[in-house]
């Protein structure tokens, strides 16, 4: 073992050598610099109060830490991987990078925010218990999900198309929007309700097996159909005229009403 000290005024240099370990310290008040070397590992510390900087190097890995109270910054690099962490009290920010992938996390209790980026694809998650919000973006497509148990809300956007779904078991509501067209569907188990809107036209369908109810509205005209096999009932309304048709197989019953006049027709087609 060998031990050396050099001191010139405020400078002090010390070396301790005991093969294969080497330890050296340089001190120039208020700076202190230390190195520990155990081949192939090298460990260095620079301290300038209140800053502390440390590096551990063992090819191909490199680990460094900077500490300035209350901030702590760490970097781990193992080619091609790079991992960084910044910590300020309760805030933690970390990045993992493996080209072309980048993964970042920001954590501020109780909030957690994560981003994964692979080339043009970006995936982010914001989590605030019990809420979870996710976004996947692949230009020009954007896909978002908000989840608050038991509610789930999703949106897919491909300009100019927007598609959204709200799900609250057992209810599901979907909307497709392609300006100027809007189409909505609400589904509750065996009940299905659909609305298509192309201004100024509105088209609605309610289906509760075995009943089907449809309405087409083009202001000021309204046309509706109720179908319960084998019965079909249609109504056309153009104020002040109303025309209704009920059809049961080969029997047809029609009413035309123009207030105060009412006109009825019953038609029974001969059976073939």
Protein backbone atom coordinates (compact mmCIF):
# COMPACT_ATOMS: atom_id res chain seq x y z
CA UNK A 1 0.00 0.00 0.00
CA UNK A 2 1.20 3.55 -0.74
CA UNK A 3 -0.12 6.81 0.72
CA UNK A 4 0.90 10.33 -0.49
CA UNK A 5 -0.13 13.82 0.54
CA UNK A 6 0.75 17.10 -1.15
CA UNK A 7 -0.27 20.35 0.55
CA UNK A 8 0.31 23.82 -0.88
CA UNK A 9 -1.46 26.60 1.04
CA UNK A 10 -5.23 25.92 0.67
CA UNK A 11 -4.68 23.04 -1.77
CA UNK A 12 -4.44 19.47 -0.50
CA UNK A 13 -3.90 16.38 -2.68
CA UNK A 14 -3.98 12.85 -1.25
CA UNK A 15 -3.54 9.47 -2.91
CA UNK A 16 -4.01 6.03 -1.38
CA UNK A 17 -2.97 3.16 -3.60
CA UNK A 18 -3.42 -0.51 -2.78
CA UNK A 19 -3.50 -2.52 -6.01
CA UNK A 20 -5.96 -2.80 -7.71
CA UNK A 21 -7.62 0.04 -5.73
CA UNK A 22 -6.65 3.70 -6.12
CA UNK A 23 -8.24 6.49 -4.06
CA UNK A 24 -7.42 10.17 -4.56
CA UNK A 25 -8.76 13.39 -3.08
CA UNK A 26 -8.18 16.97 -4.20
CA UNK A 27 -9.36 19.63 -1.79
CA UNK A 28 -9.39 23.34 -2.62
CA UNK A 29 -11.67 24.96 -0.09
CA UNK A 30 -14.66 24.87 -0.48
CA UNK A 31 -14.29 22.32 -3.33
CA UNK A 32 -13.62 18.65 -2.70
CA UNK A 33 -12.95 16.18 -5.53
CA UNK A 34 -12.54 12.43 -4.89
CA UNK A 35 -11.89 9.50 -7.19
CA UNK A 36 -12.02 5.79 -6.38
CA UNK A 37 -10.74 3.49 -9.11
CA UNK A 38 -11.08 -0.31 -9.04
CA UNK A 39 -10.45 -1.43 -12.61
CA UNK A 40 -12.65 -1.37 -14.67
CA UNK A 41 -14.86 0.75 -12.31
CA UNK A 42 -14.28 4.44 -11.64
CA UNK A 43 -16.19 6.40 -8.97
CA UNK A 44 -15.88 10.22 -8.75
CA UNK A 45 -17.43 12.77 -6.40
CA UNK A 46 -17.28 16.58 -6.66
CA UNK A 47 -18.64 18.47 -3.68
CA UNK A 48 -19.15 22.26 -3.59
CA UNK A 49 -21.56 22.93 -0.76
CA UNK A 50 -24.53 22.62 -1.20
CA UNK A 51 -23.89 20.86 -4.55
CA UNK A 52 -22.77 17.23 -4.76
CA UNK A 53 -21.92 15.57 -8.09
CA UNK A 54 -21.14 11.83 -8.37
CA UNK A 55 -20.19 9.65 -11.32
CA UNK A 56 -19.79 5.87 -11.48
CA UNK A 57 -18.30 4.57 -14.72
CA UNK A 58 -17.91 0.93 -15.71
CA UNK A 59 -17.79 0.56 -19.47
CA UNK A 60 -20.28 0.54 -21.18
CA UNK A 61 -22.32 1.79 -18.18
CA UNK A 62 -22.22 5.32 -16.77
CA UNK A 63 -24.14 6.51 -13.69
CA UNK A 64 -24.16 10.13 -12.51
CA UNK A 65 -25.99 12.01 -9.80
CA UNK A 66 -26.27 15.72 -9.07
CA UNK A 67 -27.67 16.70 -5.70
CA UNK A 68 -28.66 20.29 -4.82
CA UNK A 69 -31.11 20.14 -1.93
CA UNK A 70 -34.03 19.57 -2.43
CA UNK A 71 -33.26 18.64 -6.07
CA UNK A 72 -31.74 15.30 -7.10
CA UNK A 73 -30.83 14.50 -10.73
CA UNK A 74 -29.68 11.03 -11.83
CA UNK A 75 -28.57 9.68 -15.19
CA UNK A 76 -27.89 6.03 -16.08
CA UNK A 77 -26.49 5.39 -19.54
CA UNK A 78 -25.90 1.89 -20.95
CA UNK A 79 -25.60 2.34 -24.70
CA UNK A 80 -28.08 2.52 -26.44
CA UNK A 81 -30.24 3.01 -23.30
CA UNK A 82 -30.41 6.30 -21.39
CA UNK A 83 -32.33 6.66 -18.10
CA UNK A 84 -32.79 9.99 -16.27
CA UNK A 85 -34.55 10.86 -13.02
CA UNK A 86 -35.17 14.34 -11.57
CA UNK A 87 -36.59 14.46 -8.07
CA UNK A 88 -37.74 17.64 -6.27
CA UNK A 89 -39.37 16.78 -2.96
CA UNK A 90 -42.66 15.06 -3.91
CA UNK A 91 -42.15 15.60 -7.67
CA UNK A 92 -40.42 12.85 -9.64
CA UNK A 93 -39.63 13.08 -13.38
CA UNK A 94 -38.01 10.20 -15.25
CA UNK A 95 -37.11 9.51 -18.88
CA UNK A 96 -36.05 6.21 -20.46
CA UNK A 97 -34.74 6.49 -24.00
CA UNK A 98 -33.94 3.54 -26.28
CA UNK A 99 -33.83 4.95 -29.81
CA UNK A 100 -36.39 5.36 -31.40
CA UNK A 101 -38.43 4.83 -28.19
CA UNK A 102 -38.75 7.49 -25.47
CA UNK A 103 -40.65 6.86 -22.21
CA UNK A 104 -41.28 9.66 -19.69
CA UNK A 105 -43.05 9.67 -16.32
CA UNK A 106 -43.97 12.68 -14.16
CA UNK A 107 -45.24 11.80 -10.70
CA UNK A 108 -46.70 14.38 -8.29
CA UNK A 109 -48.64 12.39 -5.72
CA UNK A 110 -51.47 11.48 -6.34
CA UNK A 111 -51.01 12.39 -10.04
CA UNK A 112 -49.01 10.23 -12.47
CA UNK A 113 -48.36 11.33 -16.08
CA UNK A 114 -46.65 9.00 -18.58
CA UNK A 115 -45.65 9.45 -22.23
CA UNK A 116 -44.33 6.79 -24.61
CA UNK A 117 -43.07 8.04 -27.96
CA UNK A 118 -42.04 5.74 -30.83
CA UNK A 119 -41.26 7.72 -33.97
CA UNK A 120 -44.50 9.39 -35.03
CA UNK A 121 -46.53 7.46 -32.39
CA UNK A 122 -47.22 9.14 -29.04
CA UNK A 123 -49.03 7.42 -26.15
CA UNK A 124 -49.77 9.32 -22.94
CA UNK A 125 -51.56 8.43 -19.71
CA UNK A 126 -52.68 10.75 -16.90
CA UNK A 127 -53.78 8.94 -13.75
CA UNK A 128 -55.46 10.61 -10.75
CA UNK A 129 -57.09 7.81 -8.79
CA UNK A 130 -59.79 6.76 -9.65
CA UNK A 131 -59.55 8.65 -12.98
CA UNK A 132 -57.39 7.40 -15.87
CA UNK A 133 -56.96 9.43 -19.10
CA UNK A 134 -55.08 7.99 -22.10
CA UNK A 135 -54.23 9.43 -25.51
CA UNK A 136 -52.71 7.61 -28.49
CA UNK A 137 -51.65 9.89 -31.33
CA UNK A 138 -50.50 8.64 -34.73
CA UNK A 139 -50.75 11.65 -37.01
CA UNK A 140 -53.43 12.35 -38.27
CA UNK A 141 -55.22 9.92 -35.89
CA UNK A 142 -55.90 10.74 -32.22
CA UNK A 143 -57.43 8.18 -29.81
CA UNK A 144 -58.43 9.20 -26.26
CA UNK A 145 -59.89 7.22 -23.36
CA UNK A 146 -61.18 8.60 -20.06
CA UNK A 147 -62.01 5.97 -17.45
CA UNK A 148 -63.78 6.74 -14.15
CA UNK A 149 -65.09 3.42 -12.89
CA UNK A 150 -67.69 2.33 -13.99
CA UNK A 151 -67.71 4.97 -16.78
CA UNK A 152 -65.51 4.68 -19.89
CA UNK A 153 -65.36 7.46 -22.51
CA UNK A 154 -63.41 7.03 -25.78
CA UNK A 155 -62.81 9.36 -28.71
CA UNK A 156 -61.19 8.52 -32.06
CA UNK A 157 -60.46 11.53 -34.23
CA UNK A 158 -59.28 11.34 -37.86
CA UNK A 159 -59.88 14.80 -39.28
CA UNK A 160 -62.65 15.54 -40.27
CA UNK A 161 -64.14 12.39 -38.63
CA UNK A 162 -64.78 12.15 -34.88
CA UNK A 163 -65.99 8.92 -33.23
CA UNK A 164 -66.82 8.76 -29.52
CA UNK A 165 -68.16 6.09 -27.18
CA UNK A 166 -69.49 6.49 -23.64
CA UNK A 167 -69.96 3.24 -21.76
CA UNK A 168 -71.72 2.93 -18.38
CA UNK A 169 -72.60 -0.72 -18.02
CA UNK A 170 -75.09 -1.80 -19.33
CA UNK A 171 -75.46 1.42 -21.38
CA UNK A 172 -73.31 2.19 -24.44
CA UNK A 173 -73.58 5.48 -26.37
CA UNK A 174 -71.67 6.03 -29.64
CA UNK A 175 -71.39 9.15 -31.78
CA UNK A 176 -69.84 9.43 -35.25
CA UNK A 177 -69.44 12.96 -36.58
CA UNK A 178 -68.41 13.78 -40.15
CA UNK A 179 -69.44 17.37 -40.70
CA UNK A 180 -72.30 18.01 -41.50
CA UNK A 181 -73.36 14.44 -40.61
CA UNK A 182 -73.82 13.25 -37.00
CA UNK A 183 -74.80 9.68 -36.11
CA UNK A 184 -75.52 8.59 -32.52
CA UNK A 185 -76.37 5.17 -31.12
CA UNK A 186 -77.50 4.41 -27.57
CA UNK A 187 -77.64 0.75 -26.63
CA UNK A 188 -79.11 -0.59 -23.37
CA UNK A 189 -79.04 -4.37 -23.54
CA UNK A 190 -81.81 -5.26 -26.03
CA UNK A 191 -82.83 -1.60 -26.60
CA UNK A 192 -81.09 0.30 -29.42
CA UNK A 193 -81.67 3.99 -30.20
CA UNK A 194 -80.06 5.61 -33.23
CA UNK A 195 -80.07 9.20 -34.51
CA UNK A 196 -78.63 10.35 -37.84
CA UNK A 197 -78.58 14.09 -38.37
CA UNK A 198 -77.69 15.80 -41.65
CA UNK A 199 -78.89 19.36 -41.25
CA UNK A 200 -81.80 20.01 -41.76
CA UNK A 201 -82.62 16.25 -41.85
CA UNK A 202 -82.95 14.17 -38.67
CA UNK A 203 -83.45 10.39 -38.72
CA UNK A 204 -84.19 8.38 -35.55
CA UNK A 205 -84.62 4.67 -34.96
CA UNK A 206 -85.63 2.98 -31.71
CA UNK A 207 -85.43 -0.79 -31.69
CA UNK A 208 -86.77 -2.87 -28.79
CA UNK A 209 -87.14 -6.37 -30.13
CA UNK A 210 -89.64 -7.06 -31.72
CA UNK A 211 -90.62 -3.35 -31.99
CA UNK A 212 -88.93 -0.94 -34.41
CA UNK A 213 -89.73 2.79 -34.38
CA UNK A 214 -88.30 5.20 -36.98
CA UNK A 215 -88.69 8.95 -37.46
CA UNK A 216 -87.44 11.07 -40.36
CA UNK A 217 -87.77 14.81 -39.87
CA UNK A 218 -87.13 17.40 -42.57
CA UNK A 219 -88.62 20.61 -41.27
CA UNK A 220 -91.62 21.04 -41.52
CA UNK A 221 -92.16 17.39 -42.62
CA UNK A 222 -92.15 14.52 -40.11
CA UNK A 223 -92.34 10.87 -41.17
CA UNK A 224 -92.53 8.06 -38.63
CA UNK A 225 -92.89 4.29 -38.80
CA UNK A 226 -93.72 1.84 -36.00
CA UNK A 227 -93.26 -1.81 -36.87
CA UNK A 228 -94.37 -4.72 -34.65
CA UNK A 229 -94.44 -7.74 -36.90
CA UNK A 230 -96.89 -8.26 -38.64
CA UNK A 231 -98.22 -4.70 -37.94
CA UNK A 232 -96.75 -1.60 -39.58
CA UNK A 233 -97.92 1.92 -38.78
CA UNK A 234 -96.70 4.99 -40.74
CA UNK A 235 -97.42 8.65 -40.15
CA UNK A 236 -96.57 11.60 -42.39
CA UNK A 237 -97.15 15.02 -40.88
CA UNK A 238 -96.91 18.31 -42.78
CA UNK A 239 -98.75 20.86 -40.70
CA UNK A 240 -101.78 21.11 -40.90
CA UNK A 241 -101.95 17.79 -42.81
CA UNK A 242 -101.51 14.42 -41.10
CA UNK A 243 -101.59 11.11 -42.95
CA UNK A 244 -101.50 7.76 -41.10
CA UNK A 245 -101.36 4.24 -42.49
CA UNK A 246 -101.75 1.04 -40.47
CA UNK A 247 -100.96 -2.17 -42.31
CA UNK A 248 -101.66 -5.64 -40.90
CA UNK A 249 -100.67 -8.15 -43.52
CA UNK A 250 -103.22 -7.75 -46.31
CA UNK A 251 -105.36 -5.16 -44.43
CA UNK A 252 -104.51 -1.48 -44.92
CA UNK A 253 -106.09 1.38 -42.96
CA UNK A 254 -105.36 4.99 -43.88
CA UNK A 255 -106.37 8.27 -42.24
CA UNK A 256 -105.80 11.71 -43.77
CA UNK A 257 -106.58 14.62 -41.50
CA UNK A 258 -106.67 18.27 -42.54
CA UNK A 259 -108.28 19.99 -39.60
CA UNK A 260 -111.25 19.99 -39.24
CA UNK A 261 -111.62 17.41 -42.06
CA UNK A 262 -110.83 13.74 -41.55
CA UNK A 263 -110.72 11.14 -44.33
CA UNK A 264 -110.40 7.40 -43.71
CA UNK A 265 -109.86 4.48 -46.08
CA UNK A 266 -109.81 0.78 -45.25
CA UNK A 267 -108.43 -1.50 -47.93
CA UNK A 268 -108.44 -5.29 -47.71
CA UNK A 269 -106.52 -6.76 -50.59
CA UNK A 270 -107.86 -10.03 -51.86
CA UNK A 271 -105.77 -12.98 -50.65
CA UNK A 272 -103.77 -14.62 -53.42
